[in-house]
Amino acid sequence: CQMRLIMNMLMNKRRAFLFQGVGAQYQDLLDRFDEVQLHSLQRYCSIVYEEIGVDLYGYLIKHQDIECDRMFYDWIAIYTCDYIIYQQFIDSGIRPAAMLGYSMGLITAMACGKSISFANGLRMLQTIYEYPKDGSDSYGMGVIVGQTYKEVYQLIVDCKAENEVFIASENNDTCLVVSGIKDSIHQVLKRAEEDGAIKASLINTPYAFHSPYAARGMNMFVDLVETISINEAEVPILSVFTQTFIQSASDLKNELIKNMASPMNWNASILKLGESGIDSFVEVSLDDSLTKISRIINLDNEFLTYKKFLRLEK
């Protein structure tokens, strides 16, 4: 009875659903899916294979060796699994008042909000992955924990890297992502460690997303966005760039294009949701990476992770 009461309370709250970007690995987390979700996963894996030729089922379930880039398979795994998790929340009566996507989590949010089809979301991720690879080893991203925006920017200045390293995301007051030329990022990360950062490490990516470098070779993605069908979203999406609610097809198209090379402000976005009367959040993922960076923004906010949701349902 107590659990039923808690679930009823969850259903009645105004919540924002959070969708993570790339970087997670789900292979060892699939034990959080029951038989129904695993059946759904198998069905969506068939769609993935039909649409973009990726054997996601073999990669996730059978742990088959693959010759292709595991990073791309992980991208598709995150998108597909999170799409299934979203539906489970909806089926349980927990619905979003707003959505917020971290980087490529915007694509998942749009697919879940029915503004794009599941298949077109796959095509977007594939097109992003197929960014020109010439010189891609020159680019990279990194994360710095334990220093403020002002301190990280000063590190960049001290390394004389203002034209090569950019702050890609302000996750919270003391967690920032940098993006740009890999060698210069190395220098900034090293300097951050010397200055006492809690963490300063490279992110496993050959791209420089959310920096001006990501604008190079973006034509294919822009062409795809202009070609595919994009509809008004069922649920408003808060822009991580302007902190405004968007829902129309034209605004969502612009947001997708901005999402490649523009710097994000996750910190300001969570605060904006609070100002809008939303202080409860659901992380739509198999892990809790967004909860970890978001809960310290406002300690009064409530977060529901998928793992916690499964405990409440039992």
Protein backbone atom coordinates (compact mmCIF):
# COMPACT_ATOMS: atom_id res chain seq x y z
CA CYS A 1 0.00 0.00 0.00
CA GLN A 2 2.83 2.38 0.84
CA MET A 3 4.49 1.72 -2.52
CA ARG A 4 1.18 2.30 -4.29
CA LEU A 5 0.84 5.62 -2.48
CA ILE A 6 4.34 6.64 -3.55
CA MET A 7 3.61 5.71 -7.18
CA ASN A 8 0.39 7.76 -7.07
CA MET A 9 2.36 10.74 -5.79
CA LEU A 10 4.85 10.32 -8.64
CA MET A 11 2.04 10.30 -11.20
CA ASN A 12 0.59 13.56 -9.90
CA LYS A 13 3.81 15.60 -9.84
CA ARG A 14 4.91 18.00 -12.54
CA ARG A 15 8.19 16.54 -13.73
CA ALA A 16 10.85 17.21 -16.33
CA PHE A 17 12.25 14.17 -18.10
CA LEU A 18 16.03 14.27 -18.63
CA PHE A 19 17.63 12.51 -21.61
CA GLN A 20 21.36 11.82 -21.55
CA GLY A 21 23.78 12.25 -24.41
CA VAL A 22 26.43 9.83 -25.60
CA GLY A 23 29.23 8.36 -23.51
CA ALA A 24 27.52 5.65 -21.46
CA GLN A 25 27.88 1.91 -22.04
CA TYR A 26 24.76 -0.17 -21.50
CA GLN A 27 25.98 -3.72 -22.12
CA ASP A 28 26.37 -4.49 -18.41
CA LEU A 29 23.16 -2.72 -17.35
CA LEU A 30 20.59 -4.73 -19.30
CA ASP A 31 19.75 -6.81 -16.22
CA ARG A 32 17.56 -3.83 -15.31
CA PHE A 33 15.21 -4.80 -18.14
CA ASP A 34 12.54 -7.40 -17.45
CA GLU A 35 11.25 -9.85 -20.06
CA VAL A 36 8.81 -7.32 -21.51
CA GLN A 37 11.52 -4.68 -21.99
CA LEU A 38 13.93 -7.26 -23.43
CA HIS A 39 11.27 -8.29 -25.92
CA SER A 40 10.79 -4.62 -26.87
CA LEU A 41 14.55 -4.26 -27.19
CA GLN A 42 14.69 -7.21 -29.59
CA ARG A 43 11.92 -5.66 -31.69
CA TYR A 44 13.64 -2.27 -31.85
CA CYS A 45 16.97 -3.93 -32.62
CA SER A 46 15.30 -5.36 -35.72
CA ILE A 47 14.29 -1.84 -36.75
CA VAL A 48 17.83 -0.61 -36.11
CA TYR A 49 19.23 -3.32 -38.36
CA GLU A 50 16.69 -2.62 -41.11
CA GLU A 51 17.26 1.13 -41.03
CA ILE A 52 21.04 1.52 -40.58
CA GLY A 53 22.49 -2.01 -40.74
CA VAL A 54 23.70 -2.10 -37.12
CA ASP A 55 23.41 -5.48 -35.34
CA LEU A 56 22.54 -3.94 -31.99
CA TYR A 57 21.02 -7.16 -30.65
CA GLY A 58 24.22 -9.10 -31.31
CA TYR A 59 26.27 -6.36 -29.66
CA LEU A 60 24.11 -5.88 -26.56
CA ILE A 61 22.64 -9.31 -25.89
CA LYS A 62 25.04 -11.79 -27.45
CA HIS A 63 28.17 -9.70 -26.80
CA GLN A 64 29.39 -10.54 -30.28
CA ASP A 65 32.71 -9.19 -31.47
CA ILE A 66 32.20 -6.42 -33.99
CA GLU A 67 34.50 -4.89 -36.54
CA CYS A 68 32.80 -1.50 -36.48
CA ASP A 69 33.34 1.35 -34.04
CA ARG A 70 31.99 0.41 -30.60
CA MET A 71 31.44 4.09 -29.84
CA PHE A 72 28.76 4.28 -32.54
CA TYR A 73 27.11 1.07 -31.33
CA ASP A 74 26.97 2.60 -27.85
CA TRP A 75 25.32 5.72 -29.28
CA ILE A 76 22.59 3.60 -30.85
CA ALA A 77 22.24 1.50 -27.68
CA ILE A 78 21.66 4.59 -25.54
CA TYR A 79 19.09 5.98 -27.95
CA THR A 80 17.21 2.67 -28.30
CA CYS A 81 17.21 1.67 -24.63
CA ASP A 82 16.24 5.13 -23.42
CA TYR A 83 13.37 5.15 -25.92
CA ILE A 84 12.09 1.92 -24.31
CA ILE A 85 12.58 3.27 -20.77
CA TYR A 86 10.55 6.35 -21.63
CA GLN A 87 7.65 4.19 -22.72
CA GLN A 88 7.81 2.23 -19.47
CA PHE A 89 7.51 5.45 -17.45
CA ILE A 90 4.54 6.51 -19.58
CA ASP A 91 2.85 3.12 -19.22
CA SER A 92 3.26 3.43 -15.43
CA GLY A 93 1.43 6.76 -15.44
CA ILE A 94 4.51 8.96 -14.93
CA ARG A 95 4.37 11.65 -17.60
CA PRO A 96 6.54 14.69 -18.33
CA ALA A 97 5.49 18.31 -18.15
CA ALA A 98 8.69 19.20 -20.00
CA MET A 99 11.77 17.52 -21.49
CA LEU A 100 15.45 18.39 -21.43
CA GLY A 101 18.04 16.68 -23.61
CA TYR A 102 21.77 16.71 -22.87
CA SER A 103 23.55 17.09 -26.21
CA MET A 104 22.38 14.20 -28.41
CA GLY A 105 19.77 13.42 -25.78
CA LEU A 106 17.78 16.05 -27.67
CA ILE A 107 17.28 13.49 -30.46
CA THR A 108 15.94 10.92 -27.98
CA ALA A 109 13.65 13.52 -26.42
CA MET A 110 12.28 14.45 -29.84
CA ALA A 111 11.68 10.81 -30.77
CA CYS A 112 9.89 10.16 -27.46
CA GLY A 113 7.87 13.36 -27.91
CA LYS A 114 6.76 12.15 -31.37
CA SER A 115 8.25 15.09 -33.27
CA ILE A 116 10.49 12.65 -35.17
CA SER A 117 10.13 8.94 -35.85
CA PHE A 118 12.35 6.38 -34.14
CA ALA A 119 13.88 5.58 -37.55
CA ASN A 120 14.70 9.21 -38.32
CA GLY A 121 16.42 9.53 -34.96
CA LEU A 122 18.66 6.64 -36.00
CA ARG A 123 19.47 8.39 -39.28
CA MET A 124 20.40 11.56 -37.41
CA LEU A 125 22.84 9.71 -35.17
CA GLN A 126 24.33 7.91 -38.16
CA THR A 127 24.79 11.18 -40.05
CA ILE A 128 26.47 12.78 -37.04
CA TYR A 129 28.78 9.77 -36.71
CA GLU A 130 29.69 10.10 -40.39
CA TYR A 131 31.09 13.58 -39.89
CA PRO A 132 34.24 13.97 -42.03
CA LYS A 133 36.95 11.87 -40.40
CA ASP A 134 39.90 13.66 -42.01
CA GLY A 135 42.01 14.98 -39.18
CA SER A 136 39.45 13.81 -36.63
CA ASP A 137 42.27 12.69 -34.32
CA SER A 138 43.05 16.38 -33.92
CA TYR A 139 39.77 17.04 -32.09
CA GLY A 140 38.53 16.02 -28.67
CA MET A 141 36.61 16.88 -25.53
CA GLY A 142 37.36 16.80 -21.82
CA VAL A 143 35.67 17.24 -18.46
CA ILE A 144 36.89 19.29 -15.50
CA VAL A 145 35.35 18.84 -12.05
CA GLY A 146 36.09 21.10 -9.09
CA GLN A 147 36.56 24.43 -10.87
CA THR A 148 34.16 27.18 -11.86
CA TYR A 149 33.43 28.58 -15.31
CA LYS A 150 35.61 31.60 -14.58
CA GLU A 151 38.49 29.40 -13.39
CA VAL A 152 38.30 27.09 -16.41
CA TYR A 153 38.20 30.03 -18.80
CA GLN A 154 41.28 31.46 -17.08
CA LEU A 155 43.05 28.12 -17.56
CA ILE A 156 42.30 28.32 -21.27
CA VAL A 157 43.69 31.87 -21.38
CA ASP A 158 46.79 30.88 -19.42
CA CYS A 159 47.43 28.10 -21.97
CA LYS A 160 46.97 30.64 -24.79
CA ALA A 161 44.29 28.37 -26.22
CA GLU A 162 41.34 30.77 -26.55
CA ASN A 163 41.02 29.95 -30.26
CA GLU A 164 41.48 26.20 -29.81
CA VAL A 165 39.61 25.22 -26.63
CA PHE A 166 36.03 26.21 -25.83
CA ILE A 167 33.73 25.61 -22.88
CA ALA A 168 31.18 23.23 -24.39
CA SER A 169 28.88 22.81 -21.41
CA GLU A 170 28.43 24.23 -17.94
CA ASN A 171 26.99 21.12 -16.29
CA ASN A 172 26.85 22.77 -12.88
CA ASP A 173 28.85 25.39 -11.00
CA THR A 174 31.93 23.15 -10.71
CA CYS A 175 31.62 20.65 -13.57
CA LEU A 176 32.43 21.82 -17.08
CA VAL A 177 33.09 20.23 -20.45
CA VAL A 178 35.70 21.63 -22.84
CA SER A 179 35.93 20.97 -26.56
CA GLY A 180 38.33 21.73 -29.39
CA ILE A 181 41.86 20.82 -30.50
CA LYS A 182 42.95 17.70 -28.62
CA ASP A 183 46.56 18.77 -27.94
CA SER A 184 45.40 22.05 -26.45
CA ILE A 185 42.75 20.28 -24.40
CA HIS A 186 45.51 18.07 -22.99
CA GLN A 187 47.36 21.21 -21.87
CA VAL A 188 44.24 22.69 -20.24
CA LEU A 189 43.43 19.44 -18.45
CA LYS A 190 47.00 19.12 -17.20
CA ARG A 191 46.91 22.71 -15.94
CA ALA A 192 43.57 22.02 -14.23
CA GLU A 193 45.05 19.04 -12.36
CA GLU A 194 48.01 21.16 -11.27
CA ASP A 195 45.59 23.79 -9.98
CA GLY A 196 43.77 21.24 -7.82
CA ALA A 197 40.83 20.07 -9.96
CA ILE A 198 39.04 17.03 -8.53
CA LYS A 199 38.95 15.49 -11.99
CA ALA A 200 40.38 16.50 -15.36
CA SER A 201 40.11 13.85 -18.05
CA LEU A 202 39.56 13.33 -21.75
CA ILE A 203 36.18 12.15 -23.04
CA ASN A 204 36.35 9.25 -25.48
CA THR A 205 35.36 11.03 -28.68
CA PRO A 206 37.14 12.10 -31.88
CA TYR A 207 34.78 15.06 -32.26
CA ALA A 208 34.67 18.59 -30.86
CA PHE A 209 30.94 18.93 -30.32
CA HIS A 210 29.52 22.19 -28.94
CA SER A 211 32.47 24.16 -30.29
CA PRO A 212 33.00 26.05 -33.56
CA TYR A 213 34.96 23.05 -34.88
CA ALA A 214 31.76 21.00 -34.98
CA ALA A 215 30.36 23.37 -37.59
CA ARG A 216 32.83 21.98 -40.11
CA GLY A 217 31.25 19.26 -42.21
CA MET A 218 27.78 19.87 -40.78
CA ASN A 219 26.13 20.24 -44.19
CA MET A 220 25.05 16.59 -44.37
CA PHE A 221 23.28 16.84 -41.04
CA VAL A 222 21.60 20.13 -41.95
CA ASP A 223 20.40 18.60 -45.22
CA LEU A 224 18.94 15.63 -43.33
CA VAL A 225 17.15 17.88 -40.84
CA GLU A 226 15.63 19.83 -43.72
CA THR A 227 14.56 16.65 -45.51
CA ILE A 228 12.98 14.43 -42.85
CA SER A 229 9.55 14.90 -41.34
CA ILE A 230 9.60 16.92 -38.09
CA ASN A 231 6.35 17.61 -36.24
CA GLU A 232 5.35 19.65 -33.24
CA ALA A 233 6.44 17.90 -30.05
CA GLU A 234 3.81 16.41 -27.74
CA VAL A 235 5.71 17.81 -24.75
CA PRO A 236 7.62 21.13 -24.60
CA ILE A 237 11.41 20.80 -24.75
CA LEU A 238 13.56 23.29 -22.87
CA SER A 239 16.47 24.56 -24.95
CA VAL A 240 19.86 23.99 -23.29
CA PHE A 241 21.10 26.99 -25.30
CA THR A 242 18.47 29.69 -24.73
CA GLN A 243 16.57 28.27 -21.71
CA THR A 244 13.28 28.80 -23.55
CA PHE A 245 10.54 26.22 -24.10
CA ILE A 246 10.22 25.07 -27.70
CA GLN A 247 7.62 22.84 -29.30
CA SER A 248 7.03 23.87 -32.92
CA ALA A 249 8.63 21.98 -35.80
CA SER A 250 10.57 25.04 -36.99
CA ASP A 251 12.01 25.73 -33.53
CA LEU A 252 12.98 22.08 -33.13
CA LYS A 253 14.78 22.09 -36.49
CA ASN A 254 16.78 25.12 -35.39
CA GLU A 255 17.54 23.45 -32.06
CA LEU A 256 18.90 20.33 -33.79
CA ILE A 257 21.30 22.42 -35.86
CA LYS A 258 22.34 24.51 -32.85
CA ASN A 259 22.96 21.28 -30.97
CA MET A 260 26.10 20.52 -32.95
CA ALA A 261 28.32 23.55 -32.49
CA SER A 262 26.72 25.75 -29.81
CA PRO A 263 27.81 25.67 -26.13
CA MET A 264 25.27 24.24 -23.70
CA ASN A 265 24.30 25.51 -20.27
CA TRP A 266 22.79 22.57 -18.41
CA ASN A 267 23.13 24.39 -15.08
CA ALA A 268 21.01 27.34 -16.21
CA SER A 269 18.48 24.99 -17.80
CA ILE A 270 17.84 23.07 -14.56
CA LEU A 271 17.50 26.40 -12.73
CA LYS A 272 15.06 27.64 -15.38
CA LEU A 273 12.86 24.59 -14.89
CA GLY A 274 12.81 25.40 -11.17
CA GLU A 275 11.71 28.95 -11.92
CA SER A 276 8.93 27.44 -14.04
CA GLY A 277 7.64 25.47 -11.06
CA ILE A 278 9.28 22.15 -11.91
CA ASP A 279 11.58 20.80 -9.22
CA SER A 280 11.12 17.06 -9.81
CA PHE A 281 13.05 15.19 -12.47
CA VAL A 282 13.01 11.76 -14.09
CA GLU A 283 16.23 10.54 -15.66
CA VAL A 284 15.36 8.47 -18.72
CA SER A 285 18.43 6.22 -18.84
CA LEU A 286 19.81 2.96 -17.52
CA ASP A 287 22.34 4.80 -15.34
CA ASP A 288 22.16 8.00 -13.29
CA SER A 289 24.80 10.20 -14.92
CA LEU A 290 22.51 13.22 -15.36
CA THR A 291 21.22 12.94 -11.81
CA LYS A 292 24.80 13.06 -10.52
CA ILE A 293 25.59 16.35 -12.26
CA SER A 294 22.14 17.90 -11.71
CA ARG A 295 21.21 17.22 -8.10
CA ILE A 296 23.85 19.59 -6.69
CA ILE A 297 22.45 22.49 -8.74
CA ASN A 298 19.58 22.72 -6.26
CA LEU A 299 19.62 20.35 -3.30
CA ASP A 300 15.84 20.72 -2.90
CA ASN A 301 15.16 19.12 -6.29
CA GLU A 302 13.88 15.55 -6.44
CA PHE A 303 15.27 12.96 -8.86
CA LEU A 304 13.82 9.65 -9.94
CA THR A 305 16.26 7.31 -11.66
CA TYR A 306 15.25 4.16 -13.49
CA LYS A 307 16.92 2.03 -10.83
CA LYS A 308 14.88 3.71 -8.09
CA PHE A 309 11.73 3.41 -10.19
CA LEU A 310 12.22 -0.36 -10.47
CA ARG A 311 12.52 -0.65 -6.69
CA LEU A 312 9.29 1.30 -6.21
CA GLU A 313 7.41 -0.89 -8.67
CA LYS A 314 8.24 -4.11 -6.83
